[in-house]
Amino acid sequence: MCPCGLKARHTVQLCCPPSYSEVEKLHAFMMRHLRSIMRITWMDKVTNKDIFERTGLPSMEDLLIRNISGRLATS
C-alpha cells in the first residue's frame, strides 16, 4: 500500500516506486527464469552479469528506472 493512501493503480505506481526488497525479488525471478530458458544450472557457475551479456537484456533495476521515468515524463 502506498504511504500516501491513494489506491488508483497509476497513482500508486507514480508516487510509490518499488522498494529495494521488491526489486530484489523481481531480479531473482528474472534470473531464475532466464537461467531456466538458457538451461544453465547452478553447477555451470555462470554469473548474472554473463547472463545479461549473453541475452542483451538490461537489468531489472534499469527496466524499472526506465519504466518509472517514462511514466513521470508523460504525466
PDB file of N, CA and C in Angstrom:
ATOM      1  N   MET A   1       0.843  -1.180   0.000  1.00  0.00           N
ATOM      2  CA  MET A   1       0.000   0.000   0.000  1.00  0.00           C
ATOM      3  C   MET A   1       0.882   1.235   0.000  1.00  0.00           C
ATOM      4  N   CYS A   2       0.460   2.164  -0.732  1.00  0.00           N
ATOM      5  CA  CYS A   2       1.196   3.421  -0.836  1.00  0.00           C
ATOM      6  C   CYS A   2       1.072   4.201   0.476  1.00  0.00           C
ATOM      7  N   PRO A   3       2.153   4.777   0.976  1.00  0.00           N
ATOM      8  CA  PRO A   3       2.070   5.539   2.216  1.00  0.00           C
ATOM      9  C   PRO A   3       1.129   6.740   2.123  1.00  0.00           C
ATOM     10  N   CYS A   4       0.920   7.251   0.932  1.00  0.00           N
ATOM     11  CA  CYS A   4       0.038   8.410   0.800  1.00  0.00           C
ATOM     12  C   CYS A   4      -1.435   8.008   0.820  1.00  0.00           C
ATOM     13  N   GLY A   5      -1.720   6.681   0.769  1.00  0.00           N
ATOM     14  CA  GLY A   5      -3.084   6.207   0.888  1.00  0.00           C
ATOM     15  C   GLY A   5      -3.885   6.219  -0.396  1.00  0.00           C
ATOM     16  N   LEU A   6      -3.280   6.593  -1.509  1.00  0.00           N
ATOM     17  CA  LEU A   6      -4.009   6.613  -2.769  1.00  0.00           C
ATOM     18  C   LEU A   6      -4.101   5.201  -3.318  1.00  0.00           C
ATOM     19  N   LYS A   7      -5.251   4.866  -3.906  1.00  0.00           N
ATOM     20  CA  LYS A   7      -5.459   3.496  -4.356  1.00  0.00           C
ATOM     21  C   LYS A   7      -5.514   3.339  -5.859  1.00  0.00           C
ATOM     22  N   ALA A   8      -5.596   4.406  -6.608  1.00  0.00           N
ATOM     23  CA  ALA A   8      -5.640   4.277  -8.067  1.00  0.00           C
ATOM     24  C   ALA A   8      -4.333   3.663  -8.538  1.00  0.00           C
ATOM     25  N   ARG A   9      -4.425   2.711  -9.443  1.00  0.00           N
ATOM     26  CA  ARG A   9      -3.234   1.963  -9.847  1.00  0.00           C
ATOM     27  C   ARG A   9      -2.137   2.860 -10.396  1.00  0.00           C
ATOM     28  N   HIS A  10      -2.456   3.762 -11.321  1.00  0.00           N
ATOM     29  CA  HIS A  10      -1.415   4.604 -11.902  1.00  0.00           C
ATOM     30  C   HIS A  10      -0.840   5.572 -10.875  1.00  0.00           C
ATOM     31  N   THR A  11      -1.644   5.985  -9.918  1.00  0.00           N
ATOM     32  CA  THR A  11      -1.164   6.901  -8.880  1.00  0.00           C
ATOM     33  C   THR A  11      -0.202   6.180  -7.949  1.00  0.00           C
ATOM     34  N   VAL A  12      -0.528   4.955  -7.573  1.00  0.00           N
ATOM     35  CA  VAL A  12       0.344   4.192  -6.685  1.00  0.00           C
ATOM     36  C   VAL A  12       1.684   3.952  -7.357  1.00  0.00           C
ATOM     37  N   GLN A  13       1.667   3.627  -8.633  1.00  0.00           N
ATOM     38  CA  GLN A  13       2.917   3.375  -9.333  1.00  0.00           C
ATOM     39  C   GLN A  13       3.742   4.642  -9.474  1.00  0.00           C
ATOM     40  N   LEU A  14       3.093   5.769  -9.629  1.00  0.00           N
ATOM     41  CA  LEU A  14       3.845   7.008  -9.784  1.00  0.00           C
ATOM     42  C   LEU A  14       4.400   7.525  -8.465  1.00  0.00           C
ATOM     43  N   CYS A  15       3.590   7.463  -7.408  1.00  0.00           N
ATOM     44  CA  CYS A  15       4.050   8.069  -6.156  1.00  0.00           C
ATOM     45  C   CYS A  15       4.863   7.102  -5.307  1.00  0.00           C
ATOM     46  N   CYS A  16       4.774   5.815  -5.568  1.00  0.00           N
ATOM     47  CA  CYS A  16       5.461   4.826  -4.733  1.00  0.00           C
ATOM     48  C   CYS A  16       6.272   3.864  -5.588  1.00  0.00           C
ATOM     49  N   PRO A  17       7.510   4.196  -5.883  1.00  0.00           N
ATOM     50  CA  PRO A  17       8.337   3.255  -6.629  1.00  0.00           C
ATOM     51  C   PRO A  17       8.563   2.003  -5.790  1.00  0.00           C
ATOM     52  N   PRO A  18       8.892   0.893  -6.417  1.00  0.00           N
ATOM     53  CA  PRO A  18       9.080  -0.356  -5.670  1.00  0.00           C
ATOM     54  C   PRO A  18      10.217  -0.238  -4.666  1.00  0.00           C
ATOM     55  N   SER A  19      10.061  -0.938  -3.558  1.00  0.00           N
ATOM     56  CA  SER A  19      11.100  -0.932  -2.536  1.00  0.00           C
ATOM     57  C   SER A  19      12.288  -1.775  -3.000  1.00  0.00           C
ATOM     58  N   TYR A  20      13.375  -1.663  -2.286  1.00  0.00           N
ATOM     59  CA  TYR A  20      14.591  -2.415  -2.629  1.00  0.00           C
ATOM     60  C   TYR A  20      14.315  -3.914  -2.584  1.00  0.00           C
ATOM     61  N   SER A  21      13.584  -4.374  -1.565  1.00  0.00           N
ATOM     62  CA  SER A  21      13.309  -5.810  -1.446  1.00  0.00           C
ATOM     63  C   SER A  21      12.420  -6.297  -2.590  1.00  0.00           C
ATOM     64  N   GLU A  22      11.493  -5.474  -3.045  1.00  0.00           N
ATOM     65  CA  GLU A  22      10.657  -5.852  -4.179  1.00  0.00           C
ATOM     66  C   GLU A  22      11.481  -5.951  -5.459  1.00  0.00           C
ATOM     67  N   VAL A  23      12.398  -5.029  -5.644  1.00  0.00           N
ATOM     68  CA  VAL A  23      13.283  -5.072  -6.816  1.00  0.00           C
ATOM     69  C   VAL A  23      14.157  -6.322  -6.771  1.00  0.00           C
ATOM     70  N   GLU A  24      14.653  -6.665  -5.587  1.00  0.00           N
ATOM     71  CA  GLU A  24      15.475  -7.861  -5.440  1.00  0.00           C
ATOM     72  C   GLU A  24      14.680  -9.123  -5.772  1.00  0.00           C
ATOM     73  N   LYS A  25      13.426  -9.174  -5.362  1.00  0.00           N
ATOM     74  CA  LYS A  25      12.581 -10.336  -5.661  1.00  0.00           C
ATOM     75  C   LYS A  25      12.312 -10.433  -7.161  1.00  0.00           C
ATOM     76  N   LEU A  26      12.055  -9.295  -7.811  1.00  0.00           N
ATOM     77  CA  LEU A  26      11.857  -9.296  -9.253  1.00  0.00           C
ATOM     78  C   LEU A  26      13.122  -9.735  -9.980  1.00  0.00           C
ATOM     79  N   HIS A  27      14.257  -9.266  -9.501  1.00  0.00           N
ATOM     80  CA  HIS A  27      15.542  -9.633 -10.098  1.00  0.00           C
ATOM     81  C   HIS A  27      15.779 -11.142  -9.978  1.00  0.00           C
ATOM     82  N   ALA A  28      15.516 -11.706  -8.799  1.00  0.00           N
ATOM     83  CA  ALA A  28      15.695 -13.143  -8.589  1.00  0.00           C
ATOM     84  C   ALA A  28      14.758 -13.939  -9.499  1.00  0.00           C
ATOM     85  N   PHE A  29      13.522 -13.482  -9.638  1.00  0.00           N
ATOM     86  CA  PHE A  29      12.557 -14.136 -10.518  1.00  0.00           C
ATOM     87  C   PHE A  29      13.055 -14.120 -11.961  1.00  0.00           C
ATOM     88  N   MET A  30      13.524 -12.953 -12.404  1.00  0.00           N
ATOM     89  CA  MET A  30      14.013 -12.816 -13.777  1.00  0.00           C
ATOM     90  C   MET A  30      15.220 -13.719 -14.022  1.00  0.00           C
ATOM     91  N   MET A  31      16.157 -13.735 -13.088  1.00  0.00           N
ATOM     92  CA  MET A  31      17.359 -14.543 -13.262  1.00  0.00           C
ATOM     93  C   MET A  31      17.024 -16.033 -13.249  1.00  0.00           C
ATOM     94  N   ARG A  32      16.129 -16.443 -12.366  1.00  0.00           N
ATOM     95  CA  ARG A  32      15.749 -17.859 -12.293  1.00  0.00           C
ATOM     96  C   ARG A  32      15.177 -18.329 -13.626  1.00  0.00           C
ATOM     97  N   HIS A  33      14.319 -17.496 -14.220  1.00  0.00           N
ATOM     98  CA  HIS A  33      13.689 -17.907 -15.465  1.00  0.00           C
ATOM     99  C   HIS A  33      14.624 -17.767 -16.671  1.00  0.00           C
ATOM    100  N   LEU A  34      15.491 -16.781 -16.668  1.00  0.00           N
ATOM    101  CA  LEU A  34      16.485 -16.691 -17.744  1.00  0.00           C
ATOM    102  C   LEU A  34      17.414 -17.908 -17.717  1.00  0.00           C
ATOM    103  N   ARG A  35      17.828 -18.307 -16.516  1.00  0.00           N
ATOM    104  CA  ARG A  35      18.686 -19.491 -16.393  1.00  0.00           C
ATOM    105  C   ARG A  35      17.952 -20.741 -16.866  1.00  0.00           C
ATOM    106  N   SER A  36      16.666 -20.817 -16.553  1.00  0.00           N
ATOM    107  CA  SER A  36      15.871 -21.969 -16.987  1.00  0.00           C
ATOM    108  C   SER A  36      15.734 -22.000 -18.512  1.00  0.00           C
ATOM    109  N   ILE A  37      15.454 -20.857 -19.111  1.00  0.00           N
ATOM    110  CA  ILE A  37      15.312 -20.775 -20.568  1.00  0.00           C
ATOM    111  C   ILE A  37      16.614 -21.144 -21.260  1.00  0.00           C
ATOM    112  N   MET A  38      17.718 -20.675 -20.692  1.00  0.00           N
ATOM    113  CA  MET A  38      19.028 -20.929 -21.291  1.00  0.00           C
ATOM    114  C   MET A  38      19.620 -22.274 -20.861  1.00  0.00           C
ATOM    115  N   ARG A  39      18.893 -22.986 -20.012  1.00  0.00           N
ATOM    116  CA  ARG A  39      19.319 -24.285 -19.491  1.00  0.00           C
ATOM    117  C   ARG A  39      20.681 -24.207 -18.802  1.00  0.00           C
ATOM    118  N   ILE A  40      20.800 -23.211 -17.950  1.00  0.00           N
ATOM    119  CA  ILE A  40      22.011 -23.033 -17.156  1.00  0.00           C
ATOM    120  C   ILE A  40      21.695 -23.477 -15.734  1.00  0.00           C
ATOM    121  N   THR A  41      22.487 -24.380 -15.198  1.00  0.00           N
ATOM    122  CA  THR A  41      22.280 -24.841 -13.826  1.00  0.00           C
ATOM    123  C   THR A  41      23.276 -24.167 -12.895  1.00  0.00           C
ATOM    124  N   TRP A  42      23.065 -24.360 -11.606  1.00  0.00           N
ATOM    125  CA  TRP A  42      23.975 -23.762 -10.631  1.00  0.00           C
ATOM    126  C   TRP A  42      25.368 -24.370 -10.743  1.00  0.00           C
ATOM    127  N   MET A  43      25.456 -25.565 -11.298  1.00  0.00           N
ATOM    128  CA  MET A  43      26.766 -26.215 -11.447  1.00  0.00           C
ATOM    129  C   MET A  43      27.599 -25.594 -12.563  1.00  0.00           C
ATOM    130  N   ASP A  44      26.965 -24.834 -13.454  1.00  0.00           N
ATOM    131  CA  ASP A  44      27.695 -24.210 -14.565  1.00  0.00           C
ATOM    132  C   ASP A  44      28.497 -22.989 -14.137  1.00  0.00           C
ATOM    133  N   LYS A  45      28.227 -22.474 -12.959  1.00  0.00           N
ATOM    134  CA  LYS A  45      28.967 -21.318 -12.411  1.00  0.00           C
ATOM    135  C   LYS A  45      28.970 -20.121 -13.363  1.00  0.00           C
ATOM    136  N   VAL A  46      27.793 -19.727 -13.832  1.00  0.00           N
ATOM    137  CA  VAL A  46      27.655 -18.577 -14.724  1.00  0.00           C
ATOM    138  C   VAL A  46      27.125 -17.412 -13.902  1.00  0.00           C
ATOM    139  N   THR A  47      27.793 -16.272 -13.982  1.00  0.00           N
ATOM    140  CA  THR A  47      27.361 -15.110 -13.202  1.00  0.00           C
ATOM    141  C   THR A  47      26.155 -14.439 -13.856  1.00  0.00           C
ATOM    142  N   ASN A  48      25.454 -13.636 -13.057  1.00  0.00           N
ATOM    143  CA  ASN A  48      24.316 -12.878 -13.577  1.00  0.00           C
ATOM    144  C   ASN A  48      24.774 -11.914 -14.670  1.00  0.00           C
ATOM    145  N   LYS A  49      25.938 -11.334 -14.481  1.00  0.00           N
ATOM    146  CA  LYS A  49      26.478 -10.409 -15.483  1.00  0.00           C
ATOM    147  C   LYS A  49      26.672 -11.117 -16.827  1.00  0.00           C
ATOM    148  N   ASP A  50      27.184 -12.334 -16.787  1.00  0.00           N
ATOM    149  CA  ASP A  50      27.361 -13.110 -18.017  1.00  0.00           C
ATOM    150  C   ASP A  50      26.022 -13.402 -18.692  1.00  0.00           C
ATOM    151  N   ILE A  51      25.014 -13.690 -17.894  1.00  0.00           N
ATOM    152  CA  ILE A  51      23.693 -13.966 -18.460  1.00  0.00           C
ATOM    153  C   ILE A  51      23.140 -12.727 -19.149  1.00  0.00           C
ATOM    154  N   PHE A  52      23.290 -11.569 -18.522  1.00  0.00           N
ATOM    155  CA  PHE A  52      22.821 -10.331 -19.150  1.00  0.00           C
ATOM    156  C   PHE A  52      23.583 -10.042 -20.438  1.00  0.00           C
ATOM    157  N   GLU A  53      24.879 -10.326 -20.455  1.00  0.00           N
ATOM    158  CA  GLU A  53      25.671 -10.121 -21.670  1.00  0.00           C
ATOM    159  C   GLU A  53      25.231 -11.074 -22.781  1.00  0.00           C
ATOM    160  N   ARG A  54      24.940 -12.311 -22.430  1.00  0.00           N
ATOM    161  CA  ARG A  54      24.508 -13.290 -23.429  1.00  0.00           C
ATOM    162  C   ARG A  54      23.137 -12.945 -24.021  1.00  0.00           C
ATOM    163  N   THR A  55      22.228 -12.475 -23.165  1.00  0.00           N
ATOM    164  CA  THR A  55      20.864 -12.191 -23.628  1.00  0.00           C
ATOM    165  C   THR A  55      20.734 -10.803 -24.227  1.00  0.00           C
ATOM    166  N   GLY A  56      21.587  -9.875 -23.816  1.00  0.00           N
ATOM    167  CA  GLY A  56      21.467  -8.496 -24.284  1.00  0.00           C
ATOM    168  C   GLY A  56      20.359  -7.725 -23.595  1.00  0.00           C
ATOM    169  N   LEU A  57      19.822  -8.280 -22.501  1.00  0.00           N
ATOM    170  CA  LEU A  57      18.749  -7.615 -21.765  1.00  0.00           C
ATOM    171  C   LEU A  57      19.321  -6.665 -20.715  1.00  0.00           C
ATOM    172  N   PRO A  58      18.605  -5.585 -20.420  1.00  0.00           N
ATOM    173  CA  PRO A  58      19.031  -4.720 -19.321  1.00  0.00           C
ATOM    174  C   PRO A  58      18.684  -5.370 -17.985  1.00  0.00           C
ATOM    175  N   SER A  59      19.292  -4.911 -16.912  1.00  0.00           N
ATOM    176  CA  SER A  59      18.989  -5.461 -15.591  1.00  0.00           C
ATOM    177  C   SER A  59      17.601  -5.019 -15.147  1.00  0.00           C
ATOM    178  N   MET A  60      17.081  -5.674 -14.122  1.00  0.00           N
ATOM    179  CA  MET A  60      15.756  -5.353 -13.606  1.00  0.00           C
ATOM    180  C   MET A  60      15.720  -3.908 -13.108  1.00  0.00           C
ATOM    181  N   GLU A  61      16.786  -3.458 -12.486  1.00  0.00           N
ATOM    182  CA  GLU A  61      16.839  -2.087 -11.998  1.00  0.00           C
ATOM    183  C   GLU A  61      16.727  -1.093 -13.156  1.00  0.00           C
ATOM    184  N   ASP A  62      17.436  -1.370 -14.250  1.00  0.00           N
ATOM    185  CA  ASP A  62      17.375  -0.492 -15.421  1.00  0.00           C
ATOM    186  C   ASP A  62      15.976  -0.463 -16.029  1.00  0.00           C
ATOM    187  N   LEU A  63      15.328  -1.623 -16.078  1.00  0.00           N
ATOM    188  CA  LEU A  63      13.974  -1.688 -16.619  1.00  0.00           C
ATOM    189  C   LEU A  63      12.998  -0.874 -15.775  1.00  0.00           C
ATOM    190  N   LEU A  64      13.119  -0.999 -14.456  1.00  0.00           N
ATOM    191  CA  LEU A  64      12.212  -0.262 -13.578  1.00  0.00           C
ATOM    192  C   LEU A  64      12.461   1.237 -13.635  1.00  0.00           C
ATOM    193  N   ILE A  65      13.727   1.627 -13.679  1.00  0.00           N
ATOM    194  CA  ILE A  65      14.051   3.056 -13.763  1.00  0.00           C
ATOM    195  C   ILE A  65      13.520   3.640 -15.058  1.00  0.00           C
ATOM    196  N   ARG A  66      13.693   2.922 -16.162  1.00  0.00           N
ATOM    197  CA  ARG A  66      13.195   3.384 -17.456  1.00  0.00           C
ATOM    198  C   ARG A  66      11.671   3.486 -17.440  1.00  0.00           C
ATOM    199  N   ASN A  67      11.009   2.505 -16.819  1.00  0.00           N
ATOM    200  CA  ASN A  67       9.559   2.487 -16.750  1.00  0.00           C
ATOM    201  C   ASN A  67       9.029   3.640 -15.903  1.00  0.00           C
ATOM    202  N   ILE A  68       9.631   3.853 -14.757  1.00  0.00           N
ATOM    203  CA  ILE A  68       9.180   4.921 -13.852  1.00  0.00           C
ATOM    204  C   ILE A  68       9.454   6.293 -14.477  1.00  0.00           C
ATOM    205  N   SER A  69      10.640   6.482 -15.038  1.00  0.00           N
ATOM    206  CA  SER A  69      10.960   7.784 -15.613  1.00  0.00           C
ATOM    207  C   SER A  69      10.094   8.062 -16.844  1.00  0.00           C
ATOM    208  N   GLY A  70       9.731   7.031 -17.591  1.00  0.00           N
ATOM    209  CA  GLY A  70       8.842   7.199 -18.734  1.00  0.00           C
ATOM    210  C   GLY A  70       7.459   7.635 -18.304  1.00  0.00           C
ATOM    211  N   ARG A  71       6.970   7.090 -17.194  1.00  0.00           N
ATOM    212  CA  ARG A  71       5.660   7.477 -16.687  1.00  0.00           C
ATOM    213  C   ARG A  71       5.657   8.910 -16.169  1.00  0.00           C
ATOM    214  N   LEU A  72       6.749   9.286 -15.497  1.00  0.00           N
ATOM    215  CA  LEU A  72       6.819  10.633 -14.959  1.00  0.00           C
ATOM    216  C   LEU A  72       6.892  11.670 -16.077  1.00  0.00           C
ATOM    217  N   ALA A  73       7.538  11.305 -17.175  1.00  0.00           N
ATOM    218  CA  ALA A  73       7.668  12.233 -18.292  1.00  0.00           C
ATOM    219  C   ALA A  73       6.331  12.457 -18.999  1.00  0.00           C
ATOM    220  N   THR A  74       5.443  11.457 -18.949  1.00  0.00           N
ATOM    221  CA  THR A  74       4.159  11.592 -19.641  1.00  0.00           C
ATOM    222  C   THR A  74       3.084  12.179 -18.751  1.00  0.00           C
ATOM    223  N   SER A  75       3.325  12.317 -17.453  1.00  0.00           N
ATOM    224  CA  SER A  75       2.280  12.853 -16.577  1.00  0.00           C
ATOM    225  C   SER A  75       2.312  14.356 -16.504  1.00  0.00           C
TER     226      SER A  75
END
